[in-house]
Structure formats: structure tokens, C-alpha cells
Amino acid sequence: MTDIRIELHASDAATGRRRSWRVVAAADLFGLWTAHVTFGRIGTPGRTLRYEFAGQAAATAFVLSRLRRRATAIRRLGVAYLPVDASPAADQLLVLTGLRCVAADPGSAVAQAAHAGRQWTPNHAAAT
């Protein structure tokens, strides 16, 4: 069993949008899969919703559907969500939705590329 952890941020200084979205999906001690979704303004505690699933496949499908919704933010909100942290199990889901994982280390080349406005791809570090 692999936990799924993803954190996305959408920031646009011109419009004052600073949104955060985080999901953590994992099995509890009884084998029940839960997903905790936290969203709100960056820097605030935000609001957390909890969802329960019978198995890993259902939880993964839920996370994938929510990521697809986040991927349309540029059209809906005018600013795109960028991944700032993700577990290894979440990388495939990010690829499926067109989002990419940015390393948690803010000094890494991956994080610097994201904050410079470029979308990071797995081959980005080798290309530059």
C-alpha cells in the first residue's frame, strides 16, 4: 500500500490569487482508504474535507478526478496550479493530468524552474 500525497499552489500577484490545495490518501489501520483534501489561501489553515473509500482503486480514482479539476484552473481562475510537493506514488497521477511534480527542496533546480514560470518536466534538468 502506497500513500498518495500532493500539494499544489496557484499564485498570481496581479489578481491577488494565492490558492493552496493538498490531498493525502492512505489506508488506515483497518484497511479503509481515506482521502483528506485541504484547500484555501496559501498560509492559512484552510478547510479540510475527509472522504472514505473501500479500496485503493477507488481512492486513486477520486484523487485523479480532483487533479483533473485542478488542471483546468487556468481556464476557470486565470492562474494555473503548480505542484510543490508530491509523494513518489503521486507522480504518475500528476503526469496523467498534465501537472508535474516540483521538488520540496526550494533550492533545487526543479523548484527554481517552477518559480521562474517554467513548467518542469522530468527531462528539464538534463536539457538545461
N, C-alpha and C. Protein backbone atom coordinates (compact mmCIF):
# COMPACT_ATOMS: atom_id res chain seq x y z
N MET A 1 0.84 -1.18 0.00
CA MET A 1 0.00 0.00 0.00
C MET A 1 0.88 1.25 0.00
N THR A 2 0.58 2.13 -0.92
CA THR A 2 1.37 3.34 -1.07
C THR A 2 0.51 4.56 -0.84
N ASP A 3 0.97 5.43 0.01
CA ASP A 3 0.25 6.67 0.28
C ASP A 3 0.39 7.63 -0.89
N ILE A 4 -0.65 8.41 -1.13
CA ILE A 4 -0.65 9.43 -2.17
C ILE A 4 -0.71 10.79 -1.47
N ARG A 5 0.29 11.62 -1.73
CA ARG A 5 0.36 12.95 -1.11
C ARG A 5 0.72 13.97 -2.19
N ILE A 6 -0.10 14.98 -2.36
CA ILE A 6 0.13 16.00 -3.38
C ILE A 6 -0.23 17.37 -2.80
N GLU A 7 0.61 18.36 -3.05
CA GLU A 7 0.29 19.73 -2.69
C GLU A 7 0.50 20.62 -3.90
N LEU A 8 -0.50 21.44 -4.20
CA LEU A 8 -0.47 22.35 -5.34
C LEU A 8 -0.68 23.78 -4.85
N HIS A 9 -0.04 24.72 -5.54
CA HIS A 9 -0.24 26.15 -5.25
C HIS A 9 -0.56 26.87 -6.55
N ALA A 10 -1.44 27.85 -6.48
CA ALA A 10 -1.76 28.74 -7.60
C ALA A 10 -1.59 30.17 -7.10
N SER A 11 -0.65 30.89 -7.68
CA SER A 11 -0.36 32.26 -7.24
C SER A 11 -0.32 33.20 -8.42
N ASP A 12 -0.96 34.34 -8.24
CA ASP A 12 -0.93 35.41 -9.23
C ASP A 12 -1.01 36.74 -8.48
N ALA A 13 0.11 37.45 -8.41
CA ALA A 13 0.17 38.70 -7.65
C ALA A 13 -0.73 39.77 -8.25
N ALA A 14 -0.86 39.78 -9.57
CA ALA A 14 -1.66 40.81 -10.23
C ALA A 14 -3.13 40.74 -9.84
N THR A 15 -3.65 39.54 -9.66
CA THR A 15 -5.06 39.38 -9.31
C THR A 15 -5.27 39.08 -7.83
N GLY A 16 -4.18 38.91 -7.09
CA GLY A 16 -4.29 38.64 -5.67
C GLY A 16 -4.70 37.21 -5.34
N ARG A 17 -4.56 36.31 -6.29
CA ARG A 17 -4.92 34.91 -6.04
C ARG A 17 -3.72 34.16 -5.48
N ARG A 18 -3.92 33.55 -4.33
CA ARG A 18 -2.89 32.72 -3.69
C ARG A 18 -3.59 31.52 -3.09
N ARG A 19 -3.78 30.48 -3.90
CA ARG A 19 -4.56 29.31 -3.51
C ARG A 19 -3.65 28.12 -3.23
N SER A 20 -4.07 27.32 -2.28
CA SER A 20 -3.36 26.10 -1.93
C SER A 20 -4.36 24.94 -1.97
N TRP A 21 -3.91 23.79 -2.44
CA TRP A 21 -4.74 22.59 -2.47
C TRP A 21 -3.84 21.41 -2.15
N ARG A 22 -4.29 20.55 -1.23
CA ARG A 22 -3.49 19.41 -0.80
C ARG A 22 -4.40 18.20 -0.61
N VAL A 23 -3.92 17.05 -1.03
CA VAL A 23 -4.64 15.80 -0.81
C VAL A 23 -3.67 14.76 -0.25
N VAL A 24 -4.14 14.02 0.75
CA VAL A 24 -3.40 12.90 1.31
C VAL A 24 -4.36 11.72 1.33
N ALA A 25 -4.04 10.67 0.58
CA ALA A 25 -4.87 9.47 0.54
C ALA A 25 -4.03 8.29 1.02
N ALA A 26 -4.56 7.55 1.99
CA ALA A 26 -3.83 6.43 2.57
C ALA A 26 -4.81 5.47 3.23
N ALA A 27 -4.33 4.27 3.49
CA ALA A 27 -5.14 3.28 4.19
C ALA A 27 -4.95 3.46 5.70
N ASP A 28 -6.05 3.29 6.44
CA ASP A 28 -5.93 3.36 7.90
C ASP A 28 -5.62 1.96 8.45
N LEU A 29 -5.63 1.82 9.75
CA LEU A 29 -5.28 0.54 10.37
C LEU A 29 -6.25 -0.59 10.04
N PHE A 30 -7.46 -0.25 9.63
CA PHE A 30 -8.47 -1.25 9.33
C PHE A 30 -8.58 -1.54 7.84
N GLY A 31 -7.72 -0.95 7.04
CA GLY A 31 -7.73 -1.19 5.60
C GLY A 31 -8.66 -0.27 4.82
N LEU A 32 -9.33 0.62 5.50
CA LEU A 32 -10.21 1.58 4.84
C LEU A 32 -9.37 2.73 4.29
N TRP A 33 -9.57 3.06 3.04
CA TRP A 33 -8.82 4.15 2.43
C TRP A 33 -9.54 5.47 2.68
N THR A 34 -8.80 6.47 3.11
CA THR A 34 -9.35 7.80 3.32
C THR A 34 -8.54 8.82 2.54
N ALA A 35 -9.21 9.87 2.12
CA ALA A 35 -8.55 10.98 1.46
C ALA A 35 -8.91 12.25 2.22
N HIS A 36 -7.90 13.00 2.59
CA HIS A 36 -8.09 14.29 3.27
C HIS A 36 -7.70 15.37 2.26
N VAL A 37 -8.66 16.21 1.92
CA VAL A 37 -8.43 17.29 0.96
C VAL A 37 -8.48 18.61 1.74
N THR A 38 -7.40 19.38 1.67
CA THR A 38 -7.31 20.67 2.35
C THR A 38 -7.12 21.75 1.28
N PHE A 39 -7.91 22.82 1.37
CA PHE A 39 -7.81 23.88 0.38
C PHE A 39 -8.06 25.23 1.05
N GLY A 40 -7.56 26.28 0.41
CA GLY A 40 -7.75 27.63 0.93
C GLY A 40 -6.63 28.53 0.45
N ARG A 41 -6.49 29.67 1.10
CA ARG A 41 -5.42 30.61 0.75
C ARG A 41 -4.08 30.09 1.27
N ILE A 42 -3.03 30.34 0.53
CA ILE A 42 -1.69 29.96 0.95
C ILE A 42 -1.38 30.66 2.27
N GLY A 43 -0.87 29.92 3.24
CA GLY A 43 -0.50 30.48 4.53
C GLY A 43 -1.59 30.41 5.59
N THR A 44 -2.78 29.94 5.21
CA THR A 44 -3.87 29.79 6.19
C THR A 44 -4.13 28.31 6.41
N PRO A 45 -4.79 27.95 7.52
CA PRO A 45 -5.08 26.53 7.76
C PRO A 45 -6.00 25.92 6.71
N GLY A 46 -6.85 26.71 6.11
CA GLY A 46 -7.75 26.21 5.08
C GLY A 46 -8.86 25.35 5.64
N ARG A 47 -9.58 24.72 4.76
CA ARG A 47 -10.69 23.83 5.11
C ARG A 47 -10.31 22.42 4.70
N THR A 48 -10.61 21.44 5.54
CA THR A 48 -10.27 20.05 5.25
C THR A 48 -11.54 19.22 5.17
N LEU A 49 -11.65 18.44 4.10
CA LEU A 49 -12.75 17.50 3.91
C LEU A 49 -12.18 16.09 3.91
N ARG A 50 -12.93 15.14 4.47
CA ARG A 50 -12.48 13.76 4.57
C ARG A 50 -13.43 12.87 3.78
N TYR A 51 -12.85 12.00 2.94
CA TYR A 51 -13.63 11.06 2.14
C TYR A 51 -13.15 9.65 2.45
N GLU A 52 -14.05 8.67 2.44
CA GLU A 52 -13.71 7.28 2.71
C GLU A 52 -13.98 6.43 1.48
N PHE A 53 -13.12 5.41 1.28
CA PHE A 53 -13.23 4.52 0.13
C PHE A 53 -12.99 3.08 0.55
N ALA A 54 -13.58 2.15 -0.17
CA ALA A 54 -13.45 0.73 0.16
C ALA A 54 -12.07 0.19 -0.21
N GLY A 55 -11.44 0.78 -1.22
CA GLY A 55 -10.15 0.26 -1.65
C GLY A 55 -9.26 1.31 -2.27
N GLN A 56 -8.04 0.90 -2.59
CA GLN A 56 -7.05 1.81 -3.15
C GLN A 56 -7.48 2.31 -4.53
N ALA A 57 -8.10 1.45 -5.34
CA ALA A 57 -8.51 1.85 -6.69
C ALA A 57 -9.52 3.00 -6.64
N ALA A 58 -10.46 2.92 -5.74
CA ALA A 58 -11.46 3.98 -5.62
C ALA A 58 -10.83 5.28 -5.13
N ALA A 59 -9.92 5.18 -4.18
CA ALA A 59 -9.24 6.37 -3.67
C ALA A 59 -8.38 7.01 -4.75
N THR A 60 -7.69 6.20 -5.53
CA THR A 60 -6.85 6.71 -6.61
C THR A 60 -7.71 7.38 -7.68
N ALA A 61 -8.85 6.79 -8.02
CA ALA A 61 -9.76 7.39 -9.00
C ALA A 61 -10.27 8.74 -8.50
N PHE A 62 -10.57 8.84 -7.22
CA PHE A 62 -11.01 10.10 -6.62
C PHE A 62 -9.93 11.17 -6.75
N VAL A 63 -8.70 10.83 -6.39
CA VAL A 63 -7.59 11.78 -6.46
C VAL A 63 -7.38 12.22 -7.91
N LEU A 64 -7.44 11.28 -8.84
CA LEU A 64 -7.26 11.60 -10.26
C LEU A 64 -8.35 12.56 -10.74
N SER A 65 -9.59 12.34 -10.32
CA SER A 65 -10.67 13.24 -10.74
C SER A 65 -10.47 14.65 -10.18
N ARG A 66 -10.00 14.75 -8.94
CA ARG A 66 -9.74 16.06 -8.35
C ARG A 66 -8.56 16.75 -9.01
N LEU A 67 -7.53 15.99 -9.40
CA LEU A 67 -6.40 16.59 -10.10
C LEU A 67 -6.81 17.10 -11.48
N ARG A 68 -7.69 16.38 -12.14
CA ARG A 68 -8.18 16.85 -13.44
C ARG A 68 -8.90 18.19 -13.28
N ARG A 69 -9.63 18.35 -12.21
CA ARG A 69 -10.30 19.62 -11.94
C ARG A 69 -9.28 20.73 -11.70
N ARG A 70 -8.22 20.45 -10.94
CA ARG A 70 -7.17 21.44 -10.69
C ARG A 70 -6.46 21.81 -11.99
N ALA A 71 -6.34 20.87 -12.91
CA ALA A 71 -5.65 21.14 -14.18
C ALA A 71 -6.41 22.14 -15.03
N THR A 72 -7.70 22.34 -14.79
CA THR A 72 -8.49 23.30 -15.57
C THR A 72 -8.53 24.69 -14.91
N ALA A 73 -7.75 24.90 -13.87
CA ALA A 73 -7.78 26.16 -13.13
C ALA A 73 -7.40 27.35 -14.00
N ILE A 74 -6.51 27.17 -14.93
CA ILE A 74 -6.09 28.30 -15.77
C ILE A 74 -7.29 28.84 -16.55
N ARG A 75 -8.15 27.96 -16.99
CA ARG A 75 -9.35 28.38 -17.73
C ARG A 75 -10.40 28.97 -16.78
N ARG A 76 -10.55 28.39 -15.61
CA ARG A 76 -11.59 28.82 -14.67
C ARG A 76 -11.19 30.02 -13.83
N LEU A 77 -9.94 30.04 -13.35
CA LEU A 77 -9.49 31.07 -12.41
C LEU A 77 -8.52 32.08 -13.00
N GLY A 78 -7.90 31.71 -14.12
CA GLY A 78 -6.92 32.58 -14.73
C GLY A 78 -5.51 32.36 -14.22
N VAL A 79 -5.31 31.38 -13.37
CA VAL A 79 -3.98 31.05 -12.85
C VAL A 79 -3.89 29.53 -12.70
N ALA A 80 -2.73 28.99 -13.05
CA ALA A 80 -2.55 27.53 -13.01
C ALA A 80 -2.02 27.08 -11.66
N TYR A 81 -2.41 25.88 -11.26
CA TYR A 81 -1.85 25.25 -10.08
C TYR A 81 -0.53 24.60 -10.47
N LEU A 82 0.48 24.79 -9.62
CA LEU A 82 1.77 24.13 -9.81
C LEU A 82 2.04 23.21 -8.63
N PRO A 83 2.49 22.00 -8.89
CA PRO A 83 2.82 21.09 -7.79
C PRO A 83 4.05 21.59 -7.03
N VAL A 84 3.97 21.59 -5.72
CA VAL A 84 5.10 21.98 -4.89
C VAL A 84 5.64 20.81 -4.08
N ASP A 85 4.81 19.77 -3.92
CA ASP A 85 5.25 18.58 -3.19
C ASP A 85 4.38 17.41 -3.62
N ALA A 86 4.99 16.24 -3.72
CA ALA A 86 4.24 15.04 -4.07
C ALA A 86 5.03 13.81 -3.66
N SER A 87 4.31 12.78 -3.27
CA SER A 87 4.94 11.51 -2.95
C SER A 87 5.28 10.79 -4.25
N PRO A 88 6.19 9.82 -4.20
CA PRO A 88 6.52 9.07 -5.42
C PRO A 88 5.31 8.39 -6.04
N ALA A 89 4.37 7.95 -5.23
CA ALA A 89 3.18 7.28 -5.75
C ALA A 89 2.28 8.25 -6.52
N ALA A 90 2.39 9.53 -6.26
CA ALA A 90 1.54 10.52 -6.91
C ALA A 90 2.08 10.98 -8.26
N ASP A 91 3.32 10.69 -8.58
CA ASP A 91 3.92 11.21 -9.80
C ASP A 91 3.16 10.77 -11.05
N GLN A 92 2.75 9.52 -11.12
CA GLN A 92 2.02 9.04 -12.29
C GLN A 92 0.69 9.78 -12.44
N LEU A 93 0.03 10.08 -11.35
CA LEU A 93 -1.23 10.82 -11.41
C LEU A 93 -1.00 12.24 -11.92
N LEU A 94 0.11 12.86 -11.51
CA LEU A 94 0.44 14.20 -11.99
C LEU A 94 0.72 14.19 -13.48
N VAL A 95 1.39 13.16 -13.95
CA VAL A 95 1.68 13.04 -15.38
C VAL A 95 0.39 12.85 -16.17
N LEU A 96 -0.53 12.02 -15.67
CA LEU A 96 -1.79 11.76 -16.36
C LEU A 96 -2.64 13.02 -16.51
N THR A 97 -2.54 13.94 -15.58
CA THR A 97 -3.35 15.17 -15.63
C THR A 97 -2.61 16.34 -16.27
N GLY A 98 -1.36 16.14 -16.64
CA GLY A 98 -0.60 17.23 -17.25
C GLY A 98 0.12 18.10 -16.25
N LEU A 99 0.02 17.78 -14.98
CA LEU A 99 0.74 18.51 -13.94
C LEU A 99 2.07 17.80 -13.72
N ARG A 100 3.04 18.51 -13.22
CA ARG A 100 4.35 17.91 -12.95
C ARG A 100 4.72 18.13 -11.51
N CYS A 101 5.56 17.26 -10.97
CA CYS A 101 5.98 17.33 -9.57
C CYS A 101 7.16 18.28 -9.43
N VAL A 102 7.08 19.17 -8.46
CA VAL A 102 8.17 20.07 -8.13
C VAL A 102 8.74 19.60 -6.80
N ALA A 103 10.04 19.51 -6.72
CA ALA A 103 10.69 19.02 -5.50
C ALA A 103 10.36 19.89 -4.30
N ALA A 104 10.32 19.27 -3.15
CA ALA A 104 10.01 20.01 -1.91
C ALA A 104 11.15 20.95 -1.52
N ASP A 105 12.38 20.67 -1.96
CA ASP A 105 13.54 21.50 -1.63
C ASP A 105 13.50 22.79 -2.46
N PRO A 106 13.26 23.96 -1.85
CA PRO A 106 13.13 25.19 -2.62
C PRO A 106 14.41 25.60 -3.34
N GLY A 107 15.55 25.07 -2.95
CA GLY A 107 16.80 25.42 -3.60
C GLY A 107 17.13 24.54 -4.79
N SER A 108 16.32 23.53 -5.05
CA SER A 108 16.62 22.62 -6.15
C SER A 108 16.36 23.28 -7.49
N ALA A 109 16.97 22.75 -8.53
CA ALA A 109 16.79 23.27 -9.88
C ALA A 109 15.34 23.12 -10.32
N VAL A 110 14.68 22.07 -9.87
CA VAL A 110 13.28 21.83 -10.23
C VAL A 110 12.40 22.93 -9.66
N ALA A 111 12.57 23.24 -8.38
CA ALA A 111 11.77 24.27 -7.74
C ALA A 111 12.07 25.64 -8.32
N GLN A 112 13.33 25.92 -8.63
CA GLN A 112 13.70 27.21 -9.21
C GLN A 112 13.06 27.38 -10.57
N ALA A 113 13.00 26.31 -11.37
CA ALA A 113 12.36 26.38 -12.68
C ALA A 113 10.88 26.69 -12.54
N ALA A 114 10.23 26.07 -11.57
CA ALA A 114 8.80 26.30 -11.37
C ALA A 114 8.52 27.73 -10.94
N HIS A 115 9.32 28.25 -10.04
CA HIS A 115 9.10 29.61 -9.55
C HIS A 115 9.49 30.66 -10.58
N ALA A 116 10.29 30.26 -11.59
CA ALA A 116 10.64 31.19 -12.66
C ALA A 116 9.57 31.21 -13.75
N GLY A 117 8.51 30.40 -13.56
CA GLY A 117 7.42 30.40 -14.52
C GLY A 117 7.51 29.32 -15.58
N ARG A 118 8.53 28.48 -15.52
CA ARG A 118 8.65 27.39 -16.48
C ARG A 118 8.04 26.14 -15.87
N GLN A 119 7.41 25.33 -16.71
CA GLN A 119 6.87 24.07 -16.21
C GLN A 119 7.98 23.04 -16.25
N TRP A 120 8.17 22.38 -15.14
CA TRP A 120 9.24 21.40 -15.02
C TRP A 120 8.77 20.07 -15.59
N THR A 121 9.64 19.42 -16.33
CA THR A 121 9.40 18.05 -16.79
C THR A 121 10.54 17.21 -16.31
N PRO A 122 10.39 15.88 -16.25
CA PRO A 122 11.47 15.03 -15.75
C PRO A 122 12.79 15.22 -16.48
N ASN A 123 12.75 15.63 -17.74
CA ASN A 123 13.98 15.83 -18.50
C ASN A 123 14.47 17.27 -18.47
N HIS A 124 13.80 18.14 -17.71
CA HIS A 124 14.15 19.56 -17.69
C HIS A 124 15.57 19.80 -17.19
N ALA A 125 15.95 19.11 -16.14
CA ALA A 125 17.28 19.33 -15.57
C ALA A 125 18.36 18.91 -16.54
N ALA A 126 18.13 17.87 -17.32
CA ALA A 126 19.12 17.40 -18.29
C ALA A 126 19.18 18.32 -19.50
N ALA A 127 18.06 18.99 -19.82
CA ALA A 127 18.00 19.83 -21.02
C ALA A 127 18.68 21.18 -20.82
N THR A 128 18.79 21.66 -19.59
CA THR A 128 19.38 22.99 -19.38
C THR A 128 20.79 22.92 -18.89
